[in-house]
Amino acid sequence: DRMAFKNVAMRVLLLMVVVSAAYAKGKEEKKESADGPAASGPAASGPGGEYDITKLGAKPDGKTDSTKAVEEAWASACGGTGKQTIVIPKGDFLTGALNFTGPCKGDSVTIKLEGNLL
């Protein structure tokens, strides 16, 4: 069943985020190089460290590749301090394989999933 596959895929994705955040908390804070994710600035950030993938170029049409926007949101959130949130709004977002790497600089990264990752 396709819906069951989506549910399992989302659980795996969220588990990866939690593990990455926990890993980041246990590690020492590393200095970012000038060209690291934090250097790009909070261009897509809203109040409270939110990164909306549509502000980074993702299209909710289910056809346009949104991989780069999702990974850019992760890099910005992971490089930010404090609590960070990645927002995936309503709609269908097509992605390829996603690479969420850490350790992250802040306290936590939360993914607010309102739409679908395909």
Protein backbone atom coordinates (compact mmCIF):
# COMPACT_ATOMS: atom_id res chain seq x y z
CA ASP A 1 0.00 0.00 0.00
CA ARG A 2 1.47 3.35 -1.06
CA MET A 3 0.13 5.22 1.98
CA ALA A 4 1.75 2.73 4.36
CA PHE A 5 5.06 3.19 2.51
CA LYS A 6 4.80 6.98 2.89
CA ASN A 7 4.12 6.62 6.62
CA VAL A 8 7.13 4.35 7.09
CA ALA A 9 9.32 6.68 5.01
CA MET A 10 8.29 9.69 7.10
CA ARG A 11 8.95 7.83 10.34
CA VAL A 12 12.43 6.93 9.11
CA LEU A 13 13.06 10.55 8.09
CA LEU A 14 11.94 11.88 11.46
CA LEU A 15 14.01 9.25 13.28
CA MET A 16 17.08 10.40 11.34
CA VAL A 17 16.41 13.99 12.41
CA VAL A 18 16.07 13.02 16.07
CA VAL A 19 19.23 10.91 15.99
CA SER A 20 21.16 13.68 14.26
CA ALA A 21 20.00 16.26 16.80
CA ALA A 22 20.89 13.97 19.71
CA TYR A 23 24.29 13.30 18.17
CA ALA A 24 24.90 17.02 17.74
CA LYS A 25 24.10 17.72 21.38
CA GLY A 26 26.69 15.22 22.57
CA LYS A 27 29.49 16.61 20.44
CA GLU A 28 31.58 19.72 21.01
CA GLU A 29 30.61 22.77 19.02
CA LYS A 30 32.79 23.04 15.94
CA LYS A 31 33.91 26.30 14.41
CA GLU A 32 32.29 26.89 11.03
CA SER A 33 34.49 27.91 8.15
CA ALA A 34 33.62 31.15 6.34
CA ASP A 35 31.91 29.18 3.58
CA GLY A 36 29.91 26.89 5.91
CA PRO A 37 26.11 26.75 6.14
CA ALA A 38 25.91 29.47 8.79
CA ALA A 39 27.75 31.92 6.53
CA SER A 40 24.91 31.95 4.04
CA GLY A 41 22.74 33.82 6.55
CA PRO A 42 19.10 33.44 7.48
CA ALA A 43 17.69 34.41 4.06
CA ALA A 44 14.80 31.98 4.37
CA SER A 45 14.47 32.25 8.12
CA GLY A 46 11.39 33.58 9.75
CA PRO A 47 10.68 34.21 13.42
CA GLY A 48 12.11 31.59 15.76
CA GLY A 49 14.54 30.06 13.26
CA GLU A 50 11.98 28.68 10.79
CA TYR A 51 13.04 27.62 7.30
CA ASP A 52 10.15 27.27 4.86
CA ILE A 53 11.29 25.14 1.90
CA THR A 54 9.05 27.09 -0.51
CA LYS A 55 11.09 30.22 0.25
CA LEU A 56 14.13 28.26 -0.88
CA GLY A 57 12.64 27.33 -4.25
CA ALA A 58 10.60 24.19 -3.53
CA LYS A 59 7.38 23.90 -5.54
CA PRO A 60 4.35 22.02 -4.13
CA ASP A 61 3.36 20.63 -7.53
CA GLY A 62 4.66 17.07 -7.11
CA LYS A 63 6.74 17.44 -10.31
CA THR A 64 9.52 19.95 -9.60
CA ASP A 65 12.63 18.54 -7.87
CA SER A 66 12.73 20.09 -4.38
CA THR A 67 15.78 18.16 -3.12
CA LYS A 68 18.09 21.20 -3.14
CA ALA A 69 15.60 23.35 -1.19
CA VAL A 70 15.07 20.70 1.51
CA GLU A 71 18.83 20.13 1.90
CA GLU A 72 19.45 23.90 1.99
CA ALA A 73 16.83 24.27 4.73
CA TRP A 74 18.56 21.47 6.68
CA ALA A 75 22.00 23.05 6.27
CA SER A 76 20.70 26.43 7.47
CA ALA A 77 18.76 24.96 10.40
CA CYS A 78 21.62 22.68 11.39
CA GLY A 79 24.04 25.62 11.28
CA GLY A 80 21.78 27.87 13.35
CA THR A 81 21.83 28.22 17.11
CA GLY A 82 18.94 27.51 19.44
CA LYS A 83 15.80 25.70 18.34
CA GLN A 84 15.35 25.49 14.56
CA THR A 85 12.34 24.40 12.51
CA ILE A 86 12.11 23.26 8.89
CA VAL A 87 8.63 23.84 7.49
CA ILE A 88 7.26 21.62 4.73
CA PRO A 89 3.94 23.33 3.94
CA LYS A 90 0.85 21.79 2.37
CA GLY A 91 1.44 20.32 -1.07
CA ASP A 92 3.41 17.54 -2.75
CA PHE A 93 7.18 18.04 -2.88
CA LEU A 94 9.22 15.75 -5.13
CA THR A 95 12.68 14.90 -3.78
CA GLY A 96 15.51 12.56 -4.50
CA ALA A 97 17.72 11.05 -1.82
CA LEU A 98 18.18 13.53 1.04
CA ASN A 99 21.45 13.95 2.90
CA PHE A 100 21.00 15.24 6.46
CA THR A 101 24.43 15.45 8.07
CA GLY A 102 25.55 16.80 11.42
CA PRO A 103 26.55 17.44 14.03
CA CYS A 104 24.24 20.42 14.26
CA LYS A 105 25.17 23.63 16.05
CA GLY A 106 21.87 24.41 17.80
CA ASP A 107 19.72 22.79 20.46
CA SER A 108 17.39 20.94 18.10
CA VAL A 109 16.02 20.76 14.57
CA THR A 110 12.32 20.02 14.16
CA ILE A 111 10.59 19.24 10.86
CA LYS A 112 7.06 20.61 10.72
CA LEU A 113 5.45 18.41 8.09
CA GLU A 114 2.15 19.73 6.72
CA GLY A 115 2.59 18.45 3.16
CA ASN A 116 4.05 15.35 1.51
CA LEU A 117 7.58 14.41 0.49
CA LEU A 118 7.46 12.24 -2.60
